[in-house]
Amino acid sequence: MAGKAAQSVAKAIGEYQYPWKEKLVKYKDELSKGVWGYWELGAWKPLGISARRRARLRNEVLLAGQDWPYDPARKEMRTKRKGHKVDRIAAEKRANTAELMKKMPDMLLDYKKRRWAKKMKEEDAKA
């Protein structure tokens, strides 16, 4: 007899599901007002459903395969990098210096040509 009662209780607990459809209908207006609360006539009003119950309802709806339209839109991710700016700039400067060193022979050649042309121009002006 006791075994049968325990089985029926276990069966009832196993078959029990959170009545999310009824709760969703009941709290639909409250959920659409926001996650934490809302301003009404200049005063802050908390939601009529607690955050724990809201989270449980949301979880049950999502587990049932339905969509949950009451979440606020997500903000953009933070683009600011962590670390010291000096370290980043130093790495960029080293990379830039390496690129410039590859161009250095051509730059020196151009410089020598400009100096030689300037020198010749000055000599022509004197003469």
N, C-alpha and C. Protein backbone atom coordinates (compact mmCIF):
# COMPACT_ATOMS: atom_id res chain seq x y z
N MET A 1 0.82 -1.18 0.00
CA MET A 1 0.00 0.00 0.00
C MET A 1 0.87 1.26 0.00
N ALA A 2 1.90 1.26 0.86
CA ALA A 2 2.78 2.42 0.94
C ALA A 2 3.58 2.57 -0.35
N GLY A 3 3.92 1.44 -0.95
CA GLY A 3 4.66 1.48 -2.22
C GLY A 3 3.82 2.09 -3.32
N LYS A 4 2.54 1.77 -3.35
CA LYS A 4 1.64 2.32 -4.36
C LYS A 4 1.50 3.83 -4.20
N ALA A 5 1.39 4.27 -2.96
CA ALA A 5 1.25 5.70 -2.69
C ALA A 5 2.51 6.45 -3.12
N ALA A 6 3.66 5.86 -2.84
CA ALA A 6 4.93 6.49 -3.22
C ALA A 6 5.05 6.57 -4.73
N GLN A 7 4.59 5.50 -5.41
CA GLN A 7 4.64 5.50 -6.88
C GLN A 7 3.73 6.57 -7.46
N SER A 8 2.54 6.71 -6.89
CA SER A 8 1.61 7.70 -7.41
C SER A 8 2.14 9.12 -7.18
N VAL A 9 2.78 9.35 -6.03
CA VAL A 9 3.37 10.66 -5.75
C VAL A 9 4.52 10.93 -6.72
N ALA A 10 5.37 9.92 -6.93
CA ALA A 10 6.50 10.08 -7.85
C ALA A 10 5.99 10.34 -9.27
N LYS A 11 4.92 9.66 -9.66
CA LYS A 11 4.35 9.84 -10.99
C LYS A 11 3.77 11.25 -11.13
N ALA A 12 3.10 11.71 -10.09
CA ALA A 12 2.51 13.05 -10.11
C ALA A 12 3.61 14.12 -10.20
N ILE A 13 4.70 13.90 -9.45
CA ILE A 13 5.80 14.86 -9.48
C ILE A 13 6.49 14.82 -10.84
N GLY A 14 6.69 13.63 -11.39
CA GLY A 14 7.34 13.49 -12.69
C GLY A 14 6.52 14.09 -13.81
N GLU A 15 5.20 13.99 -13.73
CA GLU A 15 4.34 14.52 -14.78
C GLU A 15 4.05 16.00 -14.59
N TYR A 16 4.31 16.52 -13.38
CA TYR A 16 4.01 17.93 -13.13
C TYR A 16 4.90 18.81 -14.00
N GLN A 17 4.28 19.75 -14.62
CA GLN A 17 5.03 20.74 -15.36
C GLN A 17 4.57 22.11 -14.91
N TYR A 18 5.51 23.02 -14.89
CA TYR A 18 5.19 24.38 -14.50
C TYR A 18 4.16 24.93 -15.48
N PRO A 19 3.04 25.46 -14.98
CA PRO A 19 1.97 25.94 -15.88
C PRO A 19 2.33 27.27 -16.53
N TRP A 20 3.29 27.24 -17.45
CA TRP A 20 3.82 28.48 -18.00
C TRP A 20 2.83 29.19 -18.91
N LYS A 21 1.95 28.42 -19.57
CA LYS A 21 1.01 29.09 -20.47
C LYS A 21 0.05 29.99 -19.71
N GLU A 22 -0.47 29.47 -18.59
CA GLU A 22 -1.37 30.28 -17.78
C GLU A 22 -0.65 31.49 -17.19
N LYS A 23 0.58 31.26 -16.73
CA LYS A 23 1.35 32.34 -16.13
C LYS A 23 1.68 33.40 -17.18
N LEU A 24 1.97 32.96 -18.39
CA LEU A 24 2.30 33.90 -19.47
C LEU A 24 1.09 34.77 -19.79
N VAL A 25 -0.08 34.16 -19.83
CA VAL A 25 -1.30 34.93 -20.09
C VAL A 25 -1.57 35.91 -18.95
N LYS A 26 -1.35 35.43 -17.73
CA LYS A 26 -1.64 36.25 -16.55
C LYS A 26 -0.72 37.47 -16.46
N TYR A 27 0.57 37.28 -16.72
CA TYR A 27 1.56 38.34 -16.53
C TYR A 27 2.00 39.00 -17.83
N LYS A 28 1.26 38.81 -18.91
CA LYS A 28 1.67 39.34 -20.21
C LYS A 28 1.84 40.86 -20.17
N ASP A 29 0.90 41.56 -19.56
CA ASP A 29 1.00 43.02 -19.48
C ASP A 29 2.20 43.46 -18.65
N GLU A 30 2.43 42.78 -17.53
CA GLU A 30 3.54 43.13 -16.66
C GLU A 30 4.88 42.88 -17.35
N LEU A 31 4.99 41.77 -18.06
CA LEU A 31 6.25 41.42 -18.72
C LEU A 31 6.58 42.39 -19.84
N SER A 32 5.56 42.93 -20.49
CA SER A 32 5.81 43.83 -21.61
C SER A 32 6.25 45.21 -21.14
N LYS A 33 6.13 45.51 -19.84
CA LYS A 33 6.51 46.82 -19.32
C LYS A 33 8.01 46.95 -19.08
N GLY A 34 8.73 45.86 -19.07
CA GLY A 34 10.18 45.92 -18.88
C GLY A 34 10.65 44.76 -18.04
N VAL A 35 11.95 44.73 -17.79
CA VAL A 35 12.53 43.63 -17.03
C VAL A 35 12.50 43.92 -15.54
N TRP A 36 12.83 45.14 -15.15
CA TRP A 36 12.97 45.46 -13.73
C TRP A 36 11.78 46.25 -13.20
N GLY A 37 11.18 47.05 -14.05
CA GLY A 37 10.08 47.88 -13.62
C GLY A 37 9.85 48.96 -14.66
N TYR A 38 9.11 49.98 -14.27
CA TYR A 38 8.80 51.04 -15.22
C TYR A 38 8.43 52.30 -14.46
N TRP A 39 8.50 53.44 -15.18
CA TRP A 39 8.12 54.72 -14.61
C TRP A 39 6.65 54.96 -14.92
N GLU A 40 5.90 55.32 -13.89
CA GLU A 40 4.50 55.67 -14.10
C GLU A 40 4.19 56.93 -13.31
N LEU A 41 3.83 57.97 -14.03
CA LEU A 41 3.51 59.27 -13.42
C LEU A 41 4.63 59.78 -12.52
N GLY A 42 5.87 59.63 -13.01
CA GLY A 42 7.02 60.13 -12.28
C GLY A 42 7.49 59.27 -11.13
N ALA A 43 6.88 58.11 -10.94
CA ALA A 43 7.30 57.22 -9.85
C ALA A 43 7.69 55.87 -10.43
N TRP A 44 8.72 55.28 -9.85
CA TRP A 44 9.18 53.98 -10.29
C TRP A 44 8.30 52.88 -9.70
N LYS A 45 7.82 52.00 -10.58
CA LYS A 45 6.99 50.89 -10.11
C LYS A 45 7.69 49.58 -10.45
N PRO A 46 7.93 48.74 -9.47
CA PRO A 46 8.50 47.43 -9.79
C PRO A 46 7.45 46.55 -10.46
N LEU A 47 7.91 45.51 -11.12
CA LEU A 47 6.98 44.61 -11.79
C LEU A 47 6.12 43.85 -10.77
N GLY A 48 4.98 43.38 -11.22
CA GLY A 48 4.10 42.61 -10.35
C GLY A 48 4.57 41.19 -10.16
N ILE A 49 5.61 40.78 -10.89
CA ILE A 49 6.16 39.43 -10.78
C ILE A 49 7.64 39.57 -10.40
N SER A 50 8.09 38.74 -9.49
CA SER A 50 9.47 38.85 -9.03
C SER A 50 10.43 38.38 -10.11
N ALA A 51 11.68 38.77 -9.98
CA ALA A 51 12.70 38.41 -10.97
C ALA A 51 12.91 36.90 -11.00
N ARG A 52 12.82 36.27 -9.84
CA ARG A 52 13.00 34.81 -9.79
C ARG A 52 11.88 34.11 -10.54
N ARG A 53 10.65 34.55 -10.31
CA ARG A 53 9.51 33.93 -11.00
C ARG A 53 9.54 34.25 -12.49
N ARG A 54 9.96 35.47 -12.81
CA ARG A 54 10.08 35.85 -14.22
C ARG A 54 11.12 34.97 -14.92
N ALA A 55 12.24 34.75 -14.25
CA ALA A 55 13.30 33.92 -14.83
C ALA A 55 12.82 32.48 -15.00
N ARG A 56 12.08 31.98 -14.03
CA ARG A 56 11.57 30.60 -14.14
C ARG A 56 10.57 30.48 -15.29
N LEU A 57 9.70 31.48 -15.41
CA LEU A 57 8.73 31.49 -16.51
C LEU A 57 9.43 31.56 -17.85
N ARG A 58 10.45 32.42 -17.94
CA ARG A 58 11.21 32.55 -19.18
C ARG A 58 11.88 31.22 -19.54
N ASN A 59 12.48 30.58 -18.54
CA ASN A 59 13.17 29.31 -18.77
C ASN A 59 12.20 28.24 -19.26
N GLU A 60 11.03 28.18 -18.66
CA GLU A 60 10.04 27.17 -19.07
C GLU A 60 9.55 27.42 -20.49
N VAL A 61 9.33 28.69 -20.83
CA VAL A 61 8.88 29.03 -22.18
C VAL A 61 9.94 28.64 -23.20
N LEU A 62 11.20 28.94 -22.89
CA LEU A 62 12.28 28.61 -23.82
C LEU A 62 12.49 27.10 -23.92
N LEU A 63 12.34 26.38 -22.81
CA LEU A 63 12.46 24.92 -22.85
C LEU A 63 11.35 24.28 -23.67
N ALA A 64 10.18 24.93 -23.68
CA ALA A 64 9.06 24.41 -24.46
C ALA A 64 9.21 24.72 -25.95
N GLY A 65 10.24 25.47 -26.31
CA GLY A 65 10.51 25.74 -27.72
C GLY A 65 9.82 27.00 -28.23
N GLN A 66 9.23 27.77 -27.34
CA GLN A 66 8.58 29.01 -27.75
C GLN A 66 9.60 30.16 -27.69
N ASP A 67 9.27 31.28 -28.32
CA ASP A 67 10.18 32.42 -28.23
C ASP A 67 9.74 33.33 -27.10
N TRP A 68 10.70 34.08 -26.57
CA TRP A 68 10.48 34.97 -25.42
C TRP A 68 10.73 36.40 -25.89
N PRO A 69 9.67 37.14 -26.22
CA PRO A 69 9.86 38.49 -26.79
C PRO A 69 10.07 39.59 -25.75
N TYR A 70 10.13 39.26 -24.47
CA TYR A 70 10.14 40.28 -23.44
C TYR A 70 11.53 40.69 -22.98
N ASP A 71 12.59 40.12 -23.56
CA ASP A 71 13.94 40.54 -23.18
C ASP A 71 14.26 41.87 -23.84
N PRO A 72 14.99 42.75 -23.14
CA PRO A 72 15.39 44.02 -23.77
C PRO A 72 16.44 43.77 -24.83
N ALA A 73 16.56 44.70 -25.76
CA ALA A 73 17.56 44.58 -26.82
C ALA A 73 18.95 44.63 -26.22
N ARG A 74 19.85 43.83 -26.74
CA ARG A 74 21.22 43.80 -26.22
C ARG A 74 22.00 45.00 -26.72
N LYS A 75 22.88 45.50 -25.87
CA LYS A 75 23.73 46.62 -26.25
C LYS A 75 24.92 46.11 -27.06
N GLU A 76 25.59 47.04 -27.73
CA GLU A 76 26.79 46.65 -28.46
C GLU A 76 27.88 46.25 -27.48
N MET A 77 28.74 45.36 -27.93
CA MET A 77 29.83 44.93 -27.07
C MET A 77 30.85 46.06 -26.93
N ARG A 78 31.56 46.02 -25.83
CA ARG A 78 32.56 47.03 -25.55
C ARG A 78 33.73 46.88 -26.52
N THR A 79 34.11 47.98 -27.17
CA THR A 79 35.21 47.91 -28.12
C THR A 79 36.52 48.42 -27.52
N LYS A 80 36.43 49.00 -26.34
CA LYS A 80 37.64 49.52 -25.72
C LYS A 80 38.52 48.35 -25.29
N ARG A 81 39.78 48.42 -25.72
CA ARG A 81 40.69 47.33 -25.39
C ARG A 81 41.27 47.50 -24.01
N LYS A 82 41.58 46.39 -23.39
CA LYS A 82 42.21 46.45 -22.08
C LYS A 82 43.71 46.54 -22.25
N GLY A 83 44.39 46.97 -21.22
CA GLY A 83 45.84 47.08 -21.25
C GLY A 83 46.25 48.54 -21.36
N HIS A 84 47.55 48.73 -21.37
CA HIS A 84 48.09 50.08 -21.42
C HIS A 84 48.22 50.53 -22.86
N LYS A 85 47.81 51.76 -23.11
CA LYS A 85 47.87 52.32 -24.45
C LYS A 85 49.32 52.39 -24.94
N VAL A 86 50.24 52.66 -24.04
CA VAL A 86 51.66 52.77 -24.40
C VAL A 86 52.16 51.47 -25.04
N ASP A 87 51.73 50.34 -24.50
CA ASP A 87 52.18 49.06 -25.03
C ASP A 87 51.66 48.84 -26.45
N ARG A 88 50.40 49.20 -26.68
CA ARG A 88 49.83 49.04 -28.02
C ARG A 88 50.54 49.95 -29.03
N ILE A 89 50.75 51.20 -28.61
CA ILE A 89 51.39 52.16 -29.51
C ILE A 89 52.81 51.72 -29.81
N ALA A 90 53.52 51.20 -28.80
CA ALA A 90 54.90 50.77 -29.02
C ALA A 90 54.94 49.63 -30.04
N ALA A 91 54.01 48.71 -29.96
CA ALA A 91 53.99 47.60 -30.91
C ALA A 91 53.69 48.12 -32.32
N GLU A 92 52.76 49.08 -32.43
CA GLU A 92 52.45 49.65 -33.74
C GLU A 92 53.66 50.41 -34.30
N LYS A 93 54.35 51.13 -33.42
CA LYS A 93 55.53 51.88 -33.87
C LYS A 93 56.63 50.95 -34.35
N ARG A 94 56.83 49.83 -33.64
CA ARG A 94 57.85 48.87 -34.08
C ARG A 94 57.50 48.29 -35.44
N ALA A 95 56.23 47.99 -35.67
CA ALA A 95 55.81 47.45 -36.96
C ALA A 95 56.01 48.49 -38.06
N ASN A 96 55.65 49.73 -37.75
CA ASN A 96 55.82 50.80 -38.74
C ASN A 96 57.30 51.03 -39.05
N THR A 97 58.14 50.97 -38.03
CA THR A 97 59.58 51.15 -38.23
C THR A 97 60.15 50.04 -39.11
N ALA A 98 59.69 48.81 -38.91
CA ALA A 98 60.17 47.70 -39.73
C ALA A 98 59.80 47.92 -41.20
N GLU A 99 58.57 48.42 -41.44
CA GLU A 99 58.15 48.71 -42.83
C GLU A 99 59.01 49.81 -43.43
N LEU A 100 59.27 50.86 -42.65
CA LEU A 100 60.07 51.98 -43.15
C LEU A 100 61.52 51.56 -43.41
N MET A 101 62.05 50.66 -42.59
CA MET A 101 63.43 50.20 -42.80
C MET A 101 63.57 49.43 -44.11
N LYS A 102 62.49 48.79 -44.53
CA LYS A 102 62.54 48.10 -45.82
C LYS A 102 62.64 49.11 -46.97
N LYS A 103 62.04 50.29 -46.77
CA LYS A 103 62.06 51.33 -47.81
C LYS A 103 63.29 52.22 -47.72
N MET A 104 64.10 52.04 -46.70
CA MET A 104 65.20 52.96 -46.41
C MET A 104 66.20 53.14 -47.57
N PRO A 105 66.66 52.09 -48.25
CA PRO A 105 67.63 52.32 -49.34
C PRO A 105 67.08 53.25 -50.41
N ASP A 106 65.82 53.08 -50.79
CA ASP A 106 65.22 53.97 -51.80
C ASP A 106 65.10 55.39 -51.27
N MET A 107 64.76 55.51 -50.01
CA MET A 107 64.62 56.85 -49.42
C MET A 107 65.97 57.57 -49.38
N LEU A 108 67.03 56.84 -49.03
CA LEU A 108 68.37 57.45 -48.99
C LEU A 108 68.81 57.86 -50.39
N LEU A 109 68.51 57.03 -51.36
CA LEU A 109 68.88 57.35 -52.74
C LEU A 109 68.16 58.62 -53.21
N ASP A 110 66.88 58.72 -52.91
CA ASP A 110 66.12 59.92 -53.27
C ASP A 110 66.68 61.15 -52.58
N TYR A 111 67.06 61.00 -51.30
CA TYR A 111 67.62 62.11 -50.53
C TYR A 111 68.94 62.58 -51.16
N LYS A 112 69.79 61.63 -51.52
CA LYS A 112 71.08 62.00 -52.12
C LYS A 112 70.88 62.69 -53.46
N LYS A 113 69.89 62.22 -54.22
CA LYS A 113 69.61 62.87 -55.52
C LYS A 113 69.11 64.30 -55.32
N ARG A 114 68.23 64.50 -54.33
CA ARG A 114 67.71 65.84 -54.06
C ARG A 114 68.83 66.78 -53.61
N ARG A 115 69.72 66.28 -52.74
CA ARG A 115 70.83 67.11 -52.26
C ARG A 115 71.78 67.47 -53.40
N TRP A 116 72.04 66.47 -54.25
CA TRP A 116 72.94 66.71 -55.38
C TRP A 116 72.33 67.73 -56.33
N ALA A 117 71.01 67.60 -56.60
CA ALA A 117 70.32 68.55 -57.48
C ALA A 117 70.33 69.95 -56.87
N LYS A 118 70.14 70.07 -55.57
CA LYS A 118 70.16 71.36 -54.90
C LYS A 118 71.55 71.99 -54.97
N LYS A 119 72.56 71.14 -54.78
CA LYS A 119 73.94 71.61 -54.83
C LYS A 119 74.29 72.12 -56.23
N MET A 120 73.83 71.39 -57.25
CA MET A 120 74.10 71.80 -58.62
C MET A 120 73.37 73.11 -58.94
N LYS A 121 72.17 73.26 -58.40
CA LYS A 121 71.38 74.47 -58.64
C LYS A 121 72.09 75.67 -58.02
N GLU A 122 72.64 75.48 -56.79
CA GLU A 122 73.37 76.57 -56.12
C GLU A 122 74.61 76.94 -56.88
N GLU A 123 75.32 75.94 -57.41
CA GLU A 123 76.54 76.22 -58.17
C GLU A 123 76.23 76.97 -59.45
N ASP A 124 75.08 76.59 -60.08
CA ASP A 124 74.68 77.29 -61.32
C ASP A 124 74.29 78.75 -60.98
N ALA A 125 73.71 78.96 -59.82
CA ALA A 125 73.30 80.32 -59.44
C ALA A 125 74.50 81.20 -59.17
N LYS A 126 75.61 80.61 -58.62
CA LYS A 126 76.83 81.36 -58.31
C LYS A 126 77.56 81.73 -59.61
N ALA A 127 77.49 80.82 -60.53
CA ALA A 127 78.28 81.03 -61.75
C ALA A 127 77.59 81.91 -62.77
